[in-house]
N, C-alpha and C. Protein backbone atom coordinates (compact mmCIF):
# COMPACT_ATOMS: atom_id res chain seq x y z
N MET A 1 0.90 -1.26 0.04
CA MET A 1 0.07 0.14 0.06
C MET A 1 0.85 1.07 0.04
N ILE A 2 2.04 1.28 0.78
CA ILE A 2 2.67 2.41 0.68
C ILE A 2 3.64 2.68 -0.53
N GLN A 3 4.08 1.46 -1.08
CA GLN A 3 4.40 1.43 -2.16
C GLN A 3 3.93 2.18 -3.37
N ARG A 4 2.79 1.77 -3.35
CA ARG A 4 1.72 2.20 -4.36
C ARG A 4 1.31 3.65 -4.14
N TYR A 5 1.48 4.17 -2.98
CA TYR A 5 1.34 5.43 -2.78
C TYR A 5 2.61 6.30 -2.94
N LYS A 6 3.72 5.80 -2.77
CA LYS A 6 4.75 6.57 -3.20
C LYS A 6 4.73 6.58 -4.74
N GLN A 7 4.55 5.79 -5.53
CA GLN A 7 4.52 5.59 -6.97
C GLN A 7 3.36 6.43 -7.37
N PHE A 8 2.30 6.44 -6.87
CA PHE A 8 1.56 7.61 -7.09
C PHE A 8 1.93 9.02 -6.99
N LEU A 9 2.61 9.49 -5.68
CA LEU A 9 3.14 10.66 -5.48
C LEU A 9 4.21 10.79 -6.63
N ARG A 10 5.04 10.01 -6.63
CA ARG A 10 6.15 10.36 -7.82
C ARG A 10 5.44 10.77 -9.24
N SER A 11 4.69 9.79 -9.43
CA SER A 11 4.03 10.18 -10.75
C SER A 11 3.27 11.25 -11.07
N THR A 12 2.64 11.43 -10.03
CA THR A 12 1.74 12.95 -10.04
C THR A 12 2.31 13.99 -9.93
N ALA A 13 3.81 13.93 -9.21
CA ALA A 13 4.63 15.17 -9.09
C ALA A 13 5.46 15.48 -10.66
N MET A 14 5.58 14.30 -11.21
CA MET A 14 6.22 14.49 -12.66
C MET A 14 5.22 15.16 -13.40
N LEU A 15 3.84 14.93 -13.27
CA LEU A 15 3.14 15.50 -14.39
C LEU A 15 2.69 16.81 -13.96
N VAL A 16 2.42 17.09 -12.70
CA VAL A 16 2.15 18.52 -12.34
C VAL A 16 3.49 19.49 -12.53
N GLY A 17 4.50 18.73 -12.01
CA GLY A 17 5.91 19.54 -12.24
C GLY A 17 5.94 20.07 -13.98
N LEU A 18 5.74 19.15 -14.75
CA LEU A 18 5.84 19.58 -16.15
C LEU A 18 4.65 20.56 -16.58
N ILE A 19 3.68 20.51 -15.95
CA ILE A 19 2.36 21.34 -16.24
C ILE A 19 2.68 22.70 -15.60
N VAL A 20 2.61 23.02 -14.21
CA VAL A 20 3.24 24.01 -13.78
C VAL A 20 4.16 24.32 -13.71
N GLY A 21 5.01 24.77 -14.77
CA GLY A 21 6.37 25.03 -14.85
C GLY A 21 6.54 26.43 -15.33
N VAL A 22 7.47 26.76 -16.20
CA VAL A 22 7.83 28.05 -16.44
C VAL A 22 6.72 28.95 -17.26
N GLY A 23 5.98 27.88 -18.00
CA GLY A 23 4.86 28.55 -18.67
C GLY A 23 3.80 29.71 -17.80
N ILE A 24 3.82 28.98 -16.28
CA ILE A 24 2.79 30.13 -15.62
C ILE A 24 3.25 31.34 -15.49
N PHE A 25 4.80 31.68 -15.66
CA PHE A 25 5.02 33.00 -15.43
C PHE A 25 4.53 34.10 -16.85
N GLY A 26 4.43 33.52 -17.63
CA GLY A 26 3.85 34.33 -18.76
C GLY A 26 2.49 34.51 -19.21
N VAL A 27 1.74 33.70 -18.40
CA VAL A 27 0.27 33.82 -18.09
C VAL A 27 -0.45 35.16 -17.66
N PRO A 28 0.33 35.61 -16.59
CA PRO A 28 -0.19 36.89 -16.12
C PRO A 28 -0.10 37.97 -17.07
N TYR A 29 1.06 38.12 -17.86
CA TYR A 29 1.33 39.12 -18.90
C TYR A 29 0.45 39.16 -19.95
N VAL A 30 -0.03 38.21 -20.51
CA VAL A 30 -1.07 37.79 -21.82
C VAL A 30 -2.42 38.35 -21.18
N ILE A 31 -2.60 37.84 -20.07
CA ILE A 31 -4.01 38.14 -19.22
C ILE A 31 -4.25 39.76 -19.23
N SER A 32 -3.23 40.36 -18.88
CA SER A 32 -3.19 41.91 -18.66
C SER A 32 -3.44 42.56 -19.86
N LYS A 33 -2.76 42.07 -20.86
CA LYS A 33 -3.05 42.41 -22.36
C LYS A 33 -4.26 42.24 -22.92
N ALA A 34 -4.80 40.80 -22.93
CA ALA A 34 -6.08 40.71 -23.79
C ALA A 34 -7.21 40.49 -22.88
N GLY A 35 -7.10 40.78 -21.44
CA GLY A 35 -8.18 40.58 -20.65
C GLY A 35 -8.43 39.39 -19.96
N VAL A 36 -9.26 39.35 -18.86
CA VAL A 36 -9.80 38.22 -18.18
C VAL A 36 -10.63 37.43 -18.87
N ALA A 37 -11.61 38.02 -19.65
CA ALA A 37 -12.37 36.88 -20.55
C ALA A 37 -11.56 36.21 -21.58
N PRO A 38 -11.11 36.62 -22.42
CA PRO A 38 -10.21 35.64 -23.57
C PRO A 38 -9.57 34.84 -22.54
N ALA A 39 -8.78 34.82 -21.48
CA ALA A 39 -8.01 34.14 -20.75
C ALA A 39 -8.81 32.75 -20.07
N ILE A 40 -9.96 33.11 -19.62
CA ILE A 40 -10.91 32.07 -19.32
C ILE A 40 -11.26 31.29 -20.36
N PHE A 41 -11.69 32.04 -21.44
CA PHE A 41 -12.35 31.32 -22.57
C PHE A 41 -10.96 30.04 -23.17
N TYR A 42 -9.96 30.49 -23.09
CA TYR A 42 -8.54 29.76 -23.54
C TYR A 42 -8.46 28.63 -22.61
N PHE A 43 -8.45 28.85 -21.46
CA PHE A 43 -8.14 28.04 -20.45
C PHE A 43 -9.12 26.74 -20.23
N LEU A 44 -10.31 27.20 -20.65
CA LEU A 44 -11.43 26.34 -20.71
C LEU A 44 -11.26 25.51 -21.92
N ILE A 45 -11.15 25.92 -23.17
CA ILE A 45 -11.12 25.26 -24.13
C ILE A 45 -9.71 24.19 -24.50
N LEU A 46 -8.67 25.15 -24.07
CA LEU A 46 -7.43 24.48 -24.35
C LEU A 46 -7.26 23.41 -23.05
N GLY A 47 -7.42 23.76 -21.88
CA GLY A 47 -7.35 22.98 -20.82
C GLY A 47 -8.27 21.79 -20.97
N SER A 48 -9.47 21.67 -21.73
CA SER A 48 -10.45 20.51 -21.89
C SER A 48 -9.87 19.78 -22.98
N ALA A 49 -9.18 20.48 -23.97
CA ALA A 49 -8.43 19.58 -25.34
C ALA A 49 -7.01 18.88 -24.64
N MET A 50 -6.21 19.64 -23.84
CA MET A 50 -5.12 18.73 -23.24
C MET A 50 -5.33 17.80 -22.13
N ILE A 51 -6.57 17.80 -21.56
CA ILE A 51 -6.85 16.84 -20.65
C ILE A 51 -7.05 15.48 -21.47
N LEU A 52 -7.88 15.94 -22.75
CA LEU A 52 -8.34 14.75 -23.53
C LEU A 52 -7.08 13.83 -24.27
N ILE A 53 -6.15 14.94 -24.53
CA ILE A 53 -5.07 14.71 -25.27
C ILE A 53 -3.87 13.57 -24.28
N GLN A 54 -3.97 14.00 -23.17
CA GLN A 54 -3.38 13.26 -22.27
C GLN A 54 -3.82 12.00 -21.84
N LEU A 55 -4.99 12.03 -21.61
CA LEU A 55 -5.95 10.61 -21.38
C LEU A 55 -5.66 9.85 -22.76
N PHE A 56 -5.64 10.30 -23.98
CA PHE A 56 -5.76 9.54 -25.12
C PHE A 56 -4.08 9.13 -25.07
N TYR A 57 -3.01 9.95 -24.99
CA TYR A 57 -1.56 9.49 -24.89
C TYR A 57 -1.26 8.35 -23.91
N GLY A 58 -2.18 8.56 -22.94
CA GLY A 58 -1.80 7.60 -21.79
C GLY A 58 -2.58 6.28 -22.16
N GLU A 59 -3.51 6.23 -22.80
CA GLU A 59 -4.14 4.99 -23.42
C GLU A 59 -3.23 4.26 -24.16
N VAL A 60 -2.73 5.03 -25.19
CA VAL A 60 -1.85 4.51 -26.29
C VAL A 60 -0.42 3.94 -25.53
N ASN A 61 -0.14 4.50 -24.29
CA ASN A 61 1.13 3.92 -23.61
C ASN A 61 0.87 2.80 -22.90
N LEU A 62 -0.30 2.49 -22.44
CA LEU A 62 -0.87 1.47 -21.81
C LEU A 62 -1.06 0.33 -22.67
N ARG A 63 -1.57 0.74 -23.80
CA ARG A 63 -1.94 -0.72 -24.81
C ARG A 63 -0.93 -0.86 -25.84
N THR A 64 0.11 -0.29 -25.70
CA THR A 64 1.50 -0.49 -26.41
C THR A 64 2.65 -1.28 -25.71
N LYS A 65 2.92 -2.58 -26.22
CA LYS A 65 4.14 -3.15 -25.76
C LYS A 65 5.30 -2.44 -25.91
N GLY A 66 6.13 -2.63 -24.95
CA GLY A 66 7.38 -1.99 -25.23
C GLY A 66 7.77 -0.60 -24.84
N LYS A 67 8.78 0.20 -25.02
CA LYS A 67 9.01 1.35 -24.23
C LYS A 67 9.07 2.26 -25.59
N HIS A 68 8.33 3.27 -25.73
CA HIS A 68 8.29 3.99 -26.69
C HIS A 68 8.14 5.50 -26.36
N ARG A 69 8.47 6.53 -27.26
CA ARG A 69 8.02 7.89 -26.82
C ARG A 69 7.21 8.39 -27.91
N LEU A 70 7.00 9.70 -28.15
CA LEU A 70 5.84 10.15 -29.06
C LEU A 70 6.51 9.62 -30.74
N VAL A 71 7.63 10.04 -30.79
CA VAL A 71 8.17 9.65 -32.42
C VAL A 71 7.94 7.98 -32.75
N GLY A 72 8.18 7.20 -31.51
CA GLY A 72 8.19 5.76 -31.80
C GLY A 72 6.90 5.43 -32.06
N PHE A 73 5.87 6.05 -31.19
CA PHE A 73 4.35 5.82 -31.46
C PHE A 73 3.73 6.22 -32.85
N ALA A 74 4.54 7.48 -33.17
CA ALA A 74 3.96 7.97 -34.62
C ALA A 74 4.44 6.62 -35.64
N GLU A 75 5.83 6.41 -35.56
CA GLU A 75 6.19 5.55 -36.55
C GLU A 75 5.51 4.19 -36.47
N LYS A 76 5.07 3.58 -35.27
CA LYS A 76 4.17 2.52 -35.22
C LYS A 76 2.92 2.52 -35.71
N TYR A 77 2.09 3.53 -35.67
CA TYR A 77 0.79 3.45 -35.75
C TYR A 77 0.59 4.31 -37.12
N LEU A 78 1.50 5.08 -37.70
CA LEU A 78 1.29 5.87 -38.85
C LEU A 78 2.45 5.76 -39.91
N GLY A 79 3.58 5.06 -39.54
CA GLY A 79 4.47 4.84 -40.54
C GLY A 79 5.47 5.87 -40.51
N LYS A 80 6.51 5.82 -41.66
CA LYS A 80 7.70 6.72 -41.55
C LYS A 80 7.25 7.95 -41.74
N TRP A 81 6.06 8.42 -42.49
CA TRP A 81 5.80 9.79 -42.53
C TRP A 81 5.28 10.69 -41.36
N GLY A 82 4.94 9.73 -40.44
CA GLY A 82 4.33 10.14 -39.20
C GLY A 82 5.52 10.24 -38.14
N LYS A 83 6.39 9.50 -38.31
CA LYS A 83 7.74 9.36 -37.52
C LYS A 83 8.54 10.74 -38.07
N ARG A 84 8.69 11.06 -39.13
CA ARG A 84 9.28 12.13 -39.89
C ARG A 84 8.75 13.48 -39.18
N LEU A 85 7.31 13.42 -39.40
CA LEU A 85 6.64 14.68 -39.13
C LEU A 85 6.60 15.09 -37.39
N THR A 86 6.42 14.08 -36.78
CA THR A 86 6.44 13.94 -35.22
C THR A 86 7.87 14.42 -34.88
N GLY A 87 9.06 13.72 -35.46
CA GLY A 87 10.09 14.08 -34.97
C GLY A 87 10.50 15.51 -35.06
N PHE A 88 10.11 16.18 -36.33
CA PHE A 88 10.38 17.47 -36.65
C PHE A 88 10.02 18.21 -35.67
N VAL A 89 8.61 18.07 -35.46
CA VAL A 89 7.78 18.97 -34.46
C VAL A 89 8.07 18.67 -33.05
N HIS A 90 8.57 17.59 -32.59
CA HIS A 90 8.93 17.25 -31.07
C HIS A 90 10.45 17.92 -31.08
N VAL A 91 11.22 17.82 -32.00
CA VAL A 91 12.60 18.24 -31.65
C VAL A 91 12.53 19.85 -31.17
N PHE A 92 11.49 20.55 -32.31
CA PHE A 92 11.63 22.08 -32.13
C PHE A 92 10.87 22.22 -30.87
N GLY A 93 9.68 21.53 -30.86
CA GLY A 93 8.85 21.99 -29.54
C GLY A 93 9.42 21.61 -27.94
N PHE A 94 10.10 20.29 -28.17
CA PHE A 94 10.40 20.12 -26.73
C PHE A 94 11.61 20.62 -26.27
N TYR A 95 12.76 20.53 -27.18
CA TYR A 95 13.87 21.19 -26.89
C TYR A 95 13.85 22.97 -26.83
N GLY A 96 12.68 23.50 -27.58
CA GLY A 96 12.31 24.91 -27.23
C GLY A 96 11.97 24.96 -25.96
N GLY A 97 11.28 24.22 -25.38
CA GLY A 97 10.58 24.03 -24.01
C GLY A 97 11.90 24.19 -23.03
N ILE A 98 12.68 23.23 -23.27
CA ILE A 98 14.12 23.35 -22.64
C ILE A 98 14.85 24.67 -22.53
N ILE A 99 15.14 25.08 -23.63
CA ILE A 99 15.82 26.32 -23.45
C ILE A 99 14.98 27.30 -22.90
N ALA A 100 13.71 27.19 -23.04
CA ALA A 100 12.95 28.45 -22.15
C ALA A 100 13.27 28.16 -20.76
N TYR A 101 13.04 26.90 -20.52
CA TYR A 101 13.39 26.68 -18.77
C TYR A 101 14.56 26.93 -18.46
N ILE A 102 15.86 26.97 -19.37
CA ILE A 102 17.27 27.18 -19.00
C ILE A 102 17.24 28.74 -18.97
N ILE A 103 16.71 29.54 -20.13
CA ILE A 103 16.64 30.62 -19.88
C ILE A 103 16.08 31.59 -18.60
N VAL A 104 14.78 31.13 -18.65
CA VAL A 104 13.99 31.74 -17.36
C VAL A 104 14.96 31.48 -15.92
N GLY A 105 15.07 30.15 -15.90
CA GLY A 105 15.66 29.68 -14.73
C GLY A 105 16.75 30.41 -14.24
N GLY A 106 17.78 30.31 -15.41
CA GLY A 106 18.76 31.26 -14.94
C GLY A 106 18.69 32.79 -14.71
N GLU A 107 17.83 33.31 -15.21
CA GLU A 107 17.44 34.57 -14.75
C GLU A 107 17.04 34.70 -13.48
N PHE A 108 16.19 33.86 -13.07
CA PHE A 108 15.72 34.03 -11.51
C PHE A 108 17.09 33.48 -10.74
N LEU A 109 17.68 32.57 -10.89
CA LEU A 109 18.79 32.41 -10.10
C LEU A 109 19.65 33.41 -10.01
N HIS A 110 19.94 34.11 -11.01
CA HIS A 110 20.72 35.27 -11.43
C HIS A 110 20.19 36.38 -10.44
N MET A 111 18.78 36.60 -10.23
CA MET A 111 18.34 37.75 -9.45
C MET A 111 18.38 37.25 -7.92
N LEU A 112 18.32 35.87 -7.66
CA LEU A 112 18.57 35.63 -6.29
C LEU A 112 19.84 35.72 -5.75
N LEU A 113 20.71 35.21 -6.59
CA LEU A 113 21.99 34.96 -6.07
C LEU A 113 23.14 35.96 -6.46
N ASN A 114 22.77 36.96 -7.25
CA ASN A 114 23.77 37.78 -8.05
C ASN A 114 24.49 38.62 -6.87
N SER A 115 23.89 39.12 -6.00
CA SER A 115 23.96 40.36 -4.99
C SER A 115 25.25 39.41 -4.07
N PHE A 116 24.95 38.15 -3.95
CA PHE A 116 26.13 37.55 -3.08
C PHE A 116 27.42 36.94 -3.76
N LEU A 117 26.91 36.19 -4.99
CA LEU A 117 27.96 35.58 -5.90
C LEU A 117 28.47 36.20 -7.04
N GLY A 118 27.89 37.27 -7.54
CA GLY A 118 28.04 38.05 -8.38
C GLY A 118 27.86 36.92 -9.97
N GLY A 119 28.49 37.44 -10.71
CA GLY A 119 28.47 36.70 -12.32
C GLY A 119 27.34 37.22 -13.05
N ASN A 120 27.52 36.71 -14.56
CA ASN A 120 26.57 37.18 -15.37
C ASN A 120 25.32 36.22 -15.44
N ILE A 121 24.31 36.47 -16.32
CA ILE A 121 23.43 35.66 -16.28
C ILE A 121 23.81 34.28 -17.09
N LEU A 122 24.48 34.12 -17.81
CA LEU A 122 24.87 32.91 -18.71
C LEU A 122 25.48 32.28 -17.91
N VAL A 123 26.32 32.36 -16.88
CA VAL A 123 26.82 31.65 -15.78
C VAL A 123 25.79 31.01 -15.11
N TYR A 124 24.83 31.62 -14.71
CA TYR A 124 23.49 30.65 -13.85
C TYR A 124 22.65 29.81 -14.92
N GLN A 125 22.53 30.55 -16.27
CA GLN A 125 21.88 29.45 -16.88
C GLN A 125 22.61 28.16 -17.28
N ILE A 126 23.98 28.26 -17.18
CA ILE A 126 24.80 26.92 -17.43
C ILE A 126 24.73 26.25 -16.42
N ALA A 127 24.63 26.86 -14.72
CA ALA A 127 24.61 26.06 -13.79
C ALA A 127 23.16 25.06 -13.80
N ILE A 128 22.24 26.04 -14.43
CA ILE A 128 20.76 25.34 -14.34
C ILE A 128 20.85 24.12 -15.14
N PHE A 129 21.47 24.24 -16.39
CA PHE A 129 21.71 23.09 -17.40
C PHE A 129 22.51 22.00 -16.58
N VAL A 130 23.73 22.25 -16.16
CA VAL A 130 24.43 21.24 -15.73
C VAL A 130 23.81 20.42 -14.33
N PHE A 131 23.13 21.19 -13.41
CA PHE A 131 22.07 20.94 -12.35
C PHE A 131 21.22 19.95 -12.82
N VAL A 132 20.26 20.19 -13.82
CA VAL A 132 19.45 19.32 -14.30
C VAL A 132 19.99 18.00 -14.92
N SER A 133 20.98 18.40 -15.74
CA SER A 133 21.58 17.22 -16.36
C SER A 133 21.87 16.27 -15.74
N ILE A 134 22.44 16.48 -14.16
CA ILE A 134 23.16 15.42 -13.35
C ILE A 134 21.85 14.58 -12.72
N PHE A 135 21.03 15.09 -12.61
CA PHE A 135 19.63 14.18 -12.17
C PHE A 135 18.99 13.56 -13.34
N ILE A 136 19.12 13.97 -14.52
CA ILE A 136 18.88 13.06 -15.58
C ILE A 136 19.56 11.67 -15.77
N VAL A 137 20.92 12.03 -15.75
CA VAL A 137 21.79 10.94 -15.75
C VAL A 137 21.55 9.86 -14.93
N ALA A 138 21.45 10.44 -13.42
CA ALA A 138 21.31 9.75 -12.20
C ALA A 138 20.36 8.74 -12.19
N GLY A 139 19.29 9.18 -13.13
CA GLY A 139 18.16 7.83 -13.62
C GLY A 139 16.89 8.36 -13.10
N LEU A 140 15.73 7.78 -13.40
CA LEU A 140 14.17 8.22 -13.36
C LEU A 140 13.94 8.19 -11.82
N ARG A 141 14.47 7.31 -10.96
CA ARG A 141 13.83 7.01 -9.49
C ARG A 141 14.21 8.34 -9.17
N LEU A 142 15.54 8.85 -8.84
CA LEU A 142 16.00 9.96 -8.21
C LEU A 142 15.25 11.21 -8.83
N LEU A 143 15.04 11.17 -10.30
CA LEU A 143 14.61 12.48 -10.75
C LEU A 143 13.04 12.72 -10.42
N SER A 144 12.34 11.62 -10.12
CA SER A 144 10.92 11.56 -9.53
C SER A 144 10.86 12.26 -8.24
N TRP A 145 11.86 11.93 -7.52
CA TRP A 145 11.82 12.38 -6.09
C TRP A 145 12.24 13.83 -5.89
N VAL A 146 12.93 14.27 -6.73
CA VAL A 146 13.55 15.61 -7.21
C VAL A 146 12.14 16.39 -7.38
N GLU A 147 11.62 15.69 -8.33
CA GLU A 147 10.41 16.46 -9.02
C GLU A 147 9.37 16.71 -7.78
N VAL A 148 9.18 15.64 -7.08
CA VAL A 148 8.26 15.71 -5.87
C VAL A 148 8.59 17.32 -4.99
N ILE A 149 9.75 16.94 -4.75
CA ILE A 149 10.16 18.23 -3.67
C ILE A 149 10.52 19.45 -4.33
N LEU A 150 10.67 19.48 -5.66
CA LEU A 150 10.89 20.79 -6.44
C LEU A 150 9.17 21.51 -6.60
N THR A 151 8.28 20.26 -7.06
CA THR A 151 7.03 20.80 -7.36
C THR A 151 6.30 21.38 -5.98
N SER A 152 6.33 20.63 -4.76
CA SER A 152 6.04 20.97 -3.53
C SER A 152 6.55 22.42 -3.30
N LEU A 153 7.64 22.80 -3.58
CA LEU A 153 8.37 23.97 -3.01
C LEU A 153 7.94 25.14 -4.11
N LEU A 154 7.68 24.66 -5.37
CA LEU A 154 7.05 25.70 -6.41
C LEU A 154 5.51 26.13 -5.73
N LEU A 155 4.87 25.20 -5.62
CA LEU A 155 3.40 25.47 -5.07
C LEU A 155 3.22 26.12 -3.70
N LEU A 156 4.48 26.09 -2.90
CA LEU A 156 4.50 26.75 -1.39
C LEU A 156 4.69 28.14 -1.87
N VAL A 157 5.78 28.45 -2.80
CA VAL A 157 5.79 29.82 -3.26
C VAL A 157 4.95 30.47 -3.97
N VAL A 158 4.17 29.53 -4.72
CA VAL A 158 2.94 30.40 -5.38
C VAL A 158 1.81 30.67 -4.22
N LEU A 159 1.50 29.80 -3.26
CA LEU A 159 0.61 29.94 -2.34
C LEU A 159 1.16 31.05 -1.57
N ALA A 160 2.32 31.46 -1.21
CA ALA A 160 2.78 32.40 -0.58
C ALA A 160 2.74 33.65 -0.95
N ILE A 161 2.94 33.79 -2.40
CA ILE A 161 2.76 35.07 -3.41
C ILE A 161 0.99 35.40 -3.27
N LEU A 162 0.45 34.21 -3.40
CA LEU A 162 -1.14 34.62 -3.50
C LEU A 162 -1.70 35.11 -1.81
N SER A 163 -1.11 34.54 -0.83
CA SER A 163 -1.56 35.07 0.48
C SER A 163 -0.91 36.62 0.62
N VAL A 164 0.34 36.88 0.05
CA VAL A 164 0.75 38.22 0.48
C VAL A 164 -0.15 39.15 -0.66
N GLY A 165 -0.16 38.64 -1.85
CA GLY A 165 -0.60 39.58 -2.89
C GLY A 165 -2.19 39.76 -2.69
N PHE A 166 -3.06 39.09 -2.10
CA PHE A 166 -4.41 38.93 -2.17
C PHE A 166 -5.18 40.07 -1.46
N PRO A 167 -4.44 40.88 -0.55
CA PRO A 167 -5.24 42.11 0.08
C PRO A 167 -4.64 43.19 -0.96
N ASN A 168 -4.18 43.22 -1.80
CA ASN A 168 -3.67 44.38 -2.66
C ASN A 168 -4.29 44.09 -3.93
N ILE A 169 -5.27 43.15 -4.06
CA ILE A 169 -5.95 43.21 -5.52
C ILE A 169 -7.06 44.09 -5.50
N ARG A 170 -7.01 44.79 -6.65
CA ARG A 170 -7.65 45.88 -7.23
C ARG A 170 -8.37 45.81 -8.28
N VAL A 171 -9.72 45.57 -8.16
CA VAL A 171 -10.45 44.99 -9.48
C VAL A 171 -10.46 45.96 -10.87
N GLU A 172 -9.89 47.36 -10.36
CA GLU A 172 -10.06 48.29 -11.40
C GLU A 172 -8.89 47.93 -12.36
N ASN A 173 -7.81 47.14 -11.65
CA ASN A 173 -6.68 46.99 -12.52
C ASN A 173 -6.85 45.82 -13.80
N TYR A 174 -8.04 45.35 -13.68
CA TYR A 174 -8.42 44.24 -14.63
C TYR A 174 -9.31 44.56 -15.59
N LYS A 175 -8.94 44.39 -17.02
CA LYS A 175 -9.75 44.59 -18.28
C LYS A 175 -10.69 43.44 -18.44
N MET A 176 -11.82 43.25 -19.14
CA MET A 176 -12.46 42.04 -19.61
C MET A 176 -11.92 41.79 -20.82
N LEU A 177 -11.72 42.44 -21.74
CA LEU A 177 -11.59 42.28 -23.11
C LEU A 177 -10.93 43.43 -23.80
N GLU A 178 -9.64 43.07 -24.67
CA GLU A 178 -8.85 43.99 -25.34
C GLU A 178 -8.67 43.30 -26.65
N PHE A 179 -9.74 43.44 -27.79
CA PHE A 179 -9.75 42.99 -28.83
C PHE A 179 -8.41 42.83 -29.78
N SER A 180 -7.56 44.14 -29.67
CA SER A 180 -6.18 44.03 -30.41
C SER A 180 -5.38 43.02 -29.68
N TYR A 181 -5.36 42.42 -28.80
CA TYR A 181 -4.61 41.29 -28.17
C TYR A 181 -5.26 40.17 -27.85
N LEU A 182 -6.58 39.87 -28.86
CA LEU A 182 -7.16 38.99 -28.49
C LEU A 182 -6.60 37.35 -28.65
N PHE A 183 -5.86 37.35 -29.67
CA PHE A 183 -5.12 36.07 -29.89
C PHE A 183 -3.83 35.74 -29.14
N LEU A 184 -3.32 36.79 -28.57
CA LEU A 184 -2.05 36.64 -27.61
C LEU A 184 -2.06 35.46 -26.76
N PRO A 185 -3.09 35.51 -25.91
CA PRO A 185 -2.79 34.23 -24.89
C PRO A 185 -2.79 32.86 -25.51
N TYR A 186 -3.38 32.69 -26.81
CA TYR A 186 -3.25 31.15 -27.23
C TYR A 186 -1.95 30.48 -26.95
N GLY A 187 -0.96 31.13 -27.42
CA GLY A 187 0.23 29.97 -27.49
C GLY A 187 0.72 29.97 -26.10
N VAL A 188 0.90 31.06 -25.25
CA VAL A 188 0.87 31.03 -23.81
C VAL A 188 0.52 30.21 -23.07
N ILE A 189 -1.08 30.14 -22.97
CA ILE A 189 -1.79 29.38 -22.31
C ILE A 189 -1.59 27.91 -22.86
N LEU A 190 -1.55 27.60 -24.16
CA LEU A 190 -1.48 26.31 -24.40
C LEU A 190 -0.03 25.67 -24.03
N PHE A 191 0.99 26.50 -24.09
CA PHE A 191 2.41 26.06 -23.59
C PHE A 191 2.31 25.73 -22.08
N SER A 192 1.59 26.85 -21.37
CA SER A 192 1.36 26.48 -19.97
C SER A 192 0.65 25.26 -19.36
N LEU A 193 -0.13 24.71 -20.51
CA LEU A 193 -0.87 23.36 -19.86
C LEU A 193 -0.28 22.10 -20.58
N GLY A 194 0.86 22.30 -21.32
CA GLY A 194 1.40 20.87 -21.78
C GLY A 194 2.13 20.09 -20.60
N GLY A 195 1.80 18.63 -21.08
CA GLY A 195 2.43 18.12 -19.98
C GLY A 195 2.32 16.39 -20.35
N SER A 196 1.93 16.26 -21.67
CA SER A 196 2.12 15.04 -22.47
C SER A 196 3.49 14.09 -22.52
N ALA A 197 4.36 14.92 -22.46
CA ALA A 197 5.89 14.39 -22.36
C ALA A 197 5.99 13.38 -21.19
N ALA A 198 5.49 13.78 -20.22
CA ALA A 198 5.82 13.03 -18.63
C ALA A 198 5.05 11.58 -18.73
N ILE A 199 4.25 11.62 -19.58
CA ILE A 199 3.28 10.16 -19.46
C ILE A 199 4.01 8.86 -19.86
N PRO A 200 4.96 8.54 -20.84
CA PRO A 200 5.78 7.61 -20.79
C PRO A 200 6.83 7.23 -19.43
N GLU A 201 7.08 8.76 -18.83
CA GLU A 201 7.88 8.11 -17.44
C GLU A 201 7.13 7.83 -16.70
N ILE A 202 6.00 8.27 -16.37
CA ILE A 202 5.03 7.83 -15.52
C ILE A 202 4.60 6.50 -15.68
N LYS A 203 4.50 5.99 -16.61
CA LYS A 203 4.20 4.66 -16.93
C LYS A 203 5.45 3.67 -16.37
N GLU A 204 6.63 4.34 -16.70
CA GLU A 204 8.00 3.52 -16.06
C GLU A 204 7.80 3.37 -14.46
N VAL A 205 7.35 4.68 -14.05
CA VAL A 205 7.33 4.78 -12.42
C VAL A 205 6.55 3.70 -12.03
N LEU A 206 5.27 3.77 -12.64
CA LEU A 206 4.10 2.85 -11.96
C LEU A 206 4.27 1.55 -12.01
N LYS A 207 4.97 1.20 -13.19
CA LYS A 207 5.44 -0.19 -13.36
C LYS A 207 4.28 -1.19 -13.52
N ARG A 208 4.19 -1.98 -12.41
CA ARG A 208 2.92 -2.91 -12.15
C ARG A 208 1.58 -2.63 -11.66
N ASN A 209 1.92 -1.16 -11.10
CA ASN A 209 0.43 -0.64 -10.60
C ASN A 209 -0.12 0.38 -11.77
N LEU A 210 -0.20 -0.08 -13.01
CA LEU A 210 -0.38 0.82 -14.05
C LEU A 210 -2.14 1.43 -13.96
N LYS A 211 -2.70 0.70 -13.11
CA LYS A 211 -4.26 1.20 -13.01
C LYS A 211 -4.18 2.48 -12.43
N LEU A 212 -3.19 2.72 -11.48
CA LEU A 212 -3.15 4.07 -10.95
C LEU A 212 -3.02 5.06 -11.99
């Protein structure tokens, strides 16, 4: 029972950690530009779509023997053209996301530590890259527990910001709709909700308890 709980906690943290990541920092900006109404609309529509995509992808992972990632599934079920197309999109999308994490993470680390340690932003961005790479090389088990810790810390920080900032909310600072920025939130919100890449790893973490 305890083992099942640990596996569920680790796998959930991996999915939440991938979804609630660097994308959330761009969301307030696009909401301030486009307005609250478009943001709610995009979150409802894109959120529902992403939930369905992740459920579908989960089913594909569960019902296909062997270890595969998105490109491998595309080749198996769609053929060579599916593999090439998915590989092209995956490389630019996935590695683009990683670059975003390194850039933003390095900037945050620079703001936190620059006054004590000095150095330019590039040094901190390289440090983020090396730090994450070590855990990836160490293996999925350690990486999943690190994800539990970092996701918990991230959620605590968000809750702390909300608790401190809530008394300072002013309704007059929010606009409902700005037509000139109507489509601006689309890409940012879509990126902030993406988490499908974690599903194959979740399958490996859960192992024999795949019903979870």
